Protein backbone atom coordinates (compact mmCIF):
# COMPACT_ATOMS: atom_id res chain seq x y z
CA UNK A 1 9.67 16.85 2.55
CA UNK A 2 7.70 19.84 1.32
CA UNK A 3 4.11 20.58 2.28
CA UNK A 4 3.10 19.77 -1.30
CA UNK A 5 4.65 16.31 -1.00
CA UNK A 6 3.02 15.72 2.38
CA UNK A 7 -0.37 16.68 0.97
CA UNK A 8 0.19 14.40 -2.00
CA UNK A 9 1.05 11.52 0.34
CA UNK A 10 -2.06 12.13 2.44
CA UNK A 11 -4.20 12.05 -0.71
CA UNK A 12 -2.65 8.74 -1.77
CA UNK A 13 -3.16 7.33 1.73
CA UNK A 14 -6.83 8.32 1.52
CA UNK A 15 -7.05 6.76 -1.94
CA UNK A 16 -5.74 3.49 -0.49
CA UNK A 17 -8.25 3.64 2.36
CA UNK A 18 -11.05 4.33 -0.14
CA UNK A 19 -10.03 1.24 -2.14
CA UNK A 20 -10.18 -0.84 1.03
CA UNK A 21 -13.60 0.48 2.03
CA UNK A 22 -15.18 0.36 -1.44
CA UNK A 23 -13.99 -3.10 -2.52
CA UNK A 24 -16.98 -4.81 -0.92
CA UNK A 25 -19.34 -2.83 -3.18
CA UNK A 26 -17.67 -3.89 -6.43
CA UNK A 27 -20.02 -5.81 -8.74
CA UNK A 28 -18.09 -6.04 -12.01
CA UNK A 29 -16.00 -8.69 -13.70
CA UNK A 30 -13.63 -10.73 -11.55
CA UNK A 31 -15.64 -9.74 -8.50
CA UNK A 32 -14.22 -12.59 -6.42
CA UNK A 33 -10.61 -11.54 -7.13
CA UNK A 34 -11.33 -7.86 -6.48
CA UNK A 35 -13.04 -8.58 -3.18
CA UNK A 36 -10.27 -10.97 -2.12
CA UNK A 37 -7.19 -8.95 -3.02
CA UNK A 38 -8.02 -5.26 -3.59
CA UNK A 39 -7.88 -4.73 0.18
CA UNK A 40 -4.31 -6.00 0.33
CA UNK A 41 -3.27 -3.90 -2.65
CA UNK A 42 -4.98 -0.79 -1.25
CA UNK A 43 -3.56 -1.12 2.27
CA UNK A 44 -0.04 -1.81 1.00
CA UNK A 45 -0.35 1.20 -1.30
CA UNK A 46 -1.49 3.46 1.56
CA UNK A 47 1.14 2.21 4.00
CA UNK A 48 3.90 2.91 1.48
CA UNK A 49 2.93 6.59 1.36
CA UNK A 50 2.60 6.72 5.14
CA UNK A 51 6.05 5.19 5.64
CA UNK A 52 7.56 7.48 3.00
CA UNK A 53 6.70 10.50 5.16
CA UNK A 54 9.08 9.14 7.81
CA UNK A 55 11.83 7.98 5.43
CA UNK A 56 11.89 11.14 3.29
CA UNK A 57 15.29 12.27 4.58
CA UNK A 58 17.00 8.89 4.35
CA UNK A 59 19.39 7.94 1.61
CA UNK A 60 17.69 5.60 -0.85
CA UNK A 61 14.36 6.50 0.78
CA UNK A 62 12.25 4.86 -1.95
CA UNK A 63 14.00 1.56 -1.36
CA UNK A 64 13.64 1.80 2.43
CA UNK A 65 10.01 2.90 2.19
CA UNK A 66 9.24 -0.13 0.04
CA UNK A 67 11.26 -2.49 2.26
CA UNK A 68 9.66 -1.28 5.51
CA UNK A 69 6.18 -1.39 3.97
CA UNK A 70 6.69 -4.92 2.66
CA UNK A 71 8.02 -6.03 6.06
CA UNK A 72 4.93 -4.63 7.80
CA UNK A 73 2.29 -6.02 5.44
CA UNK A 74 3.95 -9.39 4.85
CA UNK A 75 4.52 -9.95 8.58
CA UNK A 76 0.88 -9.04 9.17
CA UNK A 77 -0.12 -11.80 6.74
CA UNK A 78 2.33 -14.40 8.00
CA UNK A 79 1.47 -13.84 11.67
CA UNK A 80 -2.29 -13.74 10.99
CA UNK A 81 -2.74 -10.12 11.99
CA UNK A 82 0.18 -9.98 14.45
CA UNK A 83 -1.90 -12.25 16.69
CA UNK A 84 -4.10 -9.26 17.52
CA UNK A 85 -6.38 -8.79 14.53
CA UNK A 86 -8.45 -11.36 12.69
CA UNK A 87 -6.77 -12.36 9.45
CA UNK A 88 -6.90 -15.44 7.24
CA UNK A 89 -3.62 -16.41 5.64
CA UNK A 90 -3.70 -16.73 1.87
CA UNK A 91 -0.48 -17.15 -0.09
CA UNK A 92 -1.83 -14.86 -2.82
CA UNK A 93 -2.20 -12.05 -0.27
CA UNK A 94 1.60 -11.88 -0.19
CA UNK A 95 1.63 -11.27 -3.94
CA UNK A 96 -1.18 -8.69 -3.67
CA UNK A 97 0.83 -6.82 -1.02
CA UNK A 98 3.84 -6.78 -3.34
CA UNK A 99 1.63 -5.45 -6.17
CA UNK A 100 0.32 -2.65 -3.93
CA UNK A 101 3.82 -1.55 -2.94
CA UNK A 102 5.02 -1.84 -6.54
CA UNK A 103 2.14 0.31 -7.74
CA UNK A 104 2.90 2.91 -5.09
CA UNK A 105 6.58 3.02 -6.05
CA UNK A 106 5.73 3.36 -9.76
CA UNK A 107 3.33 6.22 -9.05
CA UNK A 108 5.84 7.89 -6.75
CA UNK A 109 8.59 7.64 -9.36
CA UNK A 110 6.25 8.84 -12.12
CA UNK A 111 5.13 11.88 -10.14
CA UNK A 112 8.71 12.80 -9.25
CA UNK A 113 9.81 12.30 -12.85
CA UNK A 114 7.02 14.59 -14.10
CA UNK A 115 7.76 17.06 -11.26
CA UNK A 116 4.10 17.13 -10.12
């Protein structure tokens, strides 16, 4: 993985963290949905780019990055924060996690396709 790709991943990780931190300040339409699920989408998005740093040399690395990320975030939900952190299980959180990873994969593929 080149330095340019690492920097890009760090920027996307920070974007995911920003989404998590700023969701509580959202006051637009669908406020309840945004406050409930943007955190899941943002964290899943950020974790995908973090995991992709470690899977960059693997065959089918996009698939494995997505699979590892989904395993982490879905297990976090199902085990209520791995029994360590406070978390409230919500079935829709599982879908939001999938959306976050899907968004990350689409952006990753788009950037690589455009050679950015």
